[in-house]
Protein backbone atom coordinates (compact mmCIF):
# COMPACT_ATOMS: atom_id res chain seq x y z
CA MET A 1 12.54 40.62 -23.20
CA SER A 2 13.88 43.13 -25.95
CA PRO A 3 12.29 43.93 -29.17
CA PRO A 4 13.39 42.02 -32.37
CA LEU A 5 15.74 43.99 -34.14
CA LYS A 6 15.90 44.48 -37.82
CA LEU A 7 19.07 46.26 -39.45
CA PHE A 8 18.42 47.83 -42.94
CA ILE A 9 21.71 47.78 -44.58
CA LYS A 10 23.64 48.59 -48.12
CA ALA A 11 25.90 45.95 -49.04
CA GLY A 12 29.21 47.36 -49.10
CA CYS A 13 28.76 50.14 -46.72
CA PRO A 14 31.52 50.71 -44.23
CA TRP A 15 28.62 51.95 -41.77
CA CYS A 16 26.66 49.30 -42.12
CA ASP A 17 29.55 46.97 -41.91
CA MET A 18 30.59 48.72 -38.63
CA ALA A 19 26.91 48.37 -37.35
CA GLU A 20 26.72 44.70 -38.20
CA GLU A 21 30.04 44.10 -36.00
CA TRP A 22 29.30 46.04 -33.17
CA LEU A 23 25.92 44.28 -32.93
CA GLN A 24 27.66 41.07 -33.63
CA THR A 25 30.31 41.47 -30.82
CA ASN A 26 28.07 42.51 -28.42
CA GLY A 27 25.95 39.45 -28.81
CA TYR A 28 22.89 40.93 -30.34
CA ARG A 29 21.02 38.92 -32.67
CA TYR A 30 18.98 40.55 -35.36
CA SER A 31 17.74 40.30 -38.74
CA VAL A 32 19.48 41.90 -41.66
CA VAL A 33 17.82 43.56 -44.75
CA ASP A 34 19.64 44.59 -47.79
CA VAL A 35 17.81 47.56 -49.38
CA ARG A 36 20.31 47.51 -52.19
CA ALA A 37 18.91 43.79 -53.23
CA ASP A 38 15.13 44.82 -52.40
CA ALA A 39 13.32 47.80 -53.57
CA THR A 40 10.60 46.81 -51.05
CA ALA A 41 12.84 46.97 -48.37
CA TYR A 42 14.40 50.03 -49.35
CA ASP A 43 10.97 51.96 -49.57
CA GLU A 44 9.90 50.43 -46.10
CA MET A 45 13.51 51.72 -44.85
CA LYS A 46 12.74 55.38 -46.35
CA ARG A 47 8.67 55.43 -45.02
CA ILE A 48 9.69 54.43 -41.41
CA SER A 49 12.65 56.31 -40.87
CA GLY A 50 11.90 59.54 -43.74
CA GLN A 51 15.36 59.19 -45.08
CA HIS A 52 17.27 57.05 -47.52
CA ARG A 53 20.72 56.34 -45.55
CA ALA A 54 21.98 53.11 -44.24
CA PRO A 55 22.19 51.61 -41.73
CA THR A 56 18.88 52.06 -39.94
CA LEU A 57 17.90 49.75 -37.06
CA GLN A 58 14.58 48.93 -36.10
CA ALA A 59 13.66 47.85 -32.66
CA GLY A 60 9.97 47.11 -32.33
CA ASP A 61 8.53 50.55 -32.74
CA LEU A 62 11.84 52.13 -31.84
CA LEU A 63 14.16 53.42 -35.12
CA LEU A 64 17.52 54.66 -35.28
CA PRO A 65 18.49 55.67 -38.84
CA ASP A 66 21.76 56.60 -40.22
CA PHE A 67 24.00 55.99 -37.47
CA GLY A 68 27.69 55.29 -36.22
CA PRO A 69 28.57 52.66 -33.53
CA GLU A 70 28.94 55.27 -30.60
CA GLU A 71 25.25 56.45 -31.55
CA LEU A 72 24.26 52.37 -31.46
CA ALA A 73 25.71 51.95 -28.35
CA ARG A 74 23.87 55.09 -26.45
CA PHE A 75 20.55 53.91 -28.21
CA MET A 76 20.79 50.25 -27.29
CA LYS A 77 21.50 51.20 -23.21
CA LYS A 78 19.00 54.69 -23.59
CA HIS A 79 16.36 52.18 -24.52
CA SER A 80 17.70 48.93 -22.05
CA ILE A 81 17.76 46.84 -25.54
CA THR A 82 19.60 43.66 -24.32
CA PRO A 83 21.27 41.09 -25.87
CA ASP A 84 18.33 38.96 -25.70
CA ALA A 85 16.96 40.32 -28.71
CA ALA A 86 14.65 37.82 -30.41
CA SER A 87 16.29 36.37 -33.61
CA THR A 88 14.41 36.56 -36.71
CA GLN A 89 15.31 34.63 -40.30
CA ASN A 90 18.38 35.74 -42.04
CA CYS A 91 19.99 36.79 -38.68
CA CYS A 92 23.89 37.02 -38.69
CA ASN A 93 24.56 35.21 -35.82
């Protein structure tokens, strides 16, 4: 089973919108954390990723910061993360 997915976004960010669209289109379940609305989440994203850009995807112990759809697809394939990822609250699916 794939690890739970957490997507750190900034509302209104076109890259974040593309990441969500890719995950939804490909059947992934994930939780969304809007770092503009939650300062603690923003601090967490900066701490785990070492940067301040979104989207940032956390998959268990794996991290993909500041990415586009092509990088997301390669990351999922490289780490064998399949659409069976466990859902958590705030899931967009």
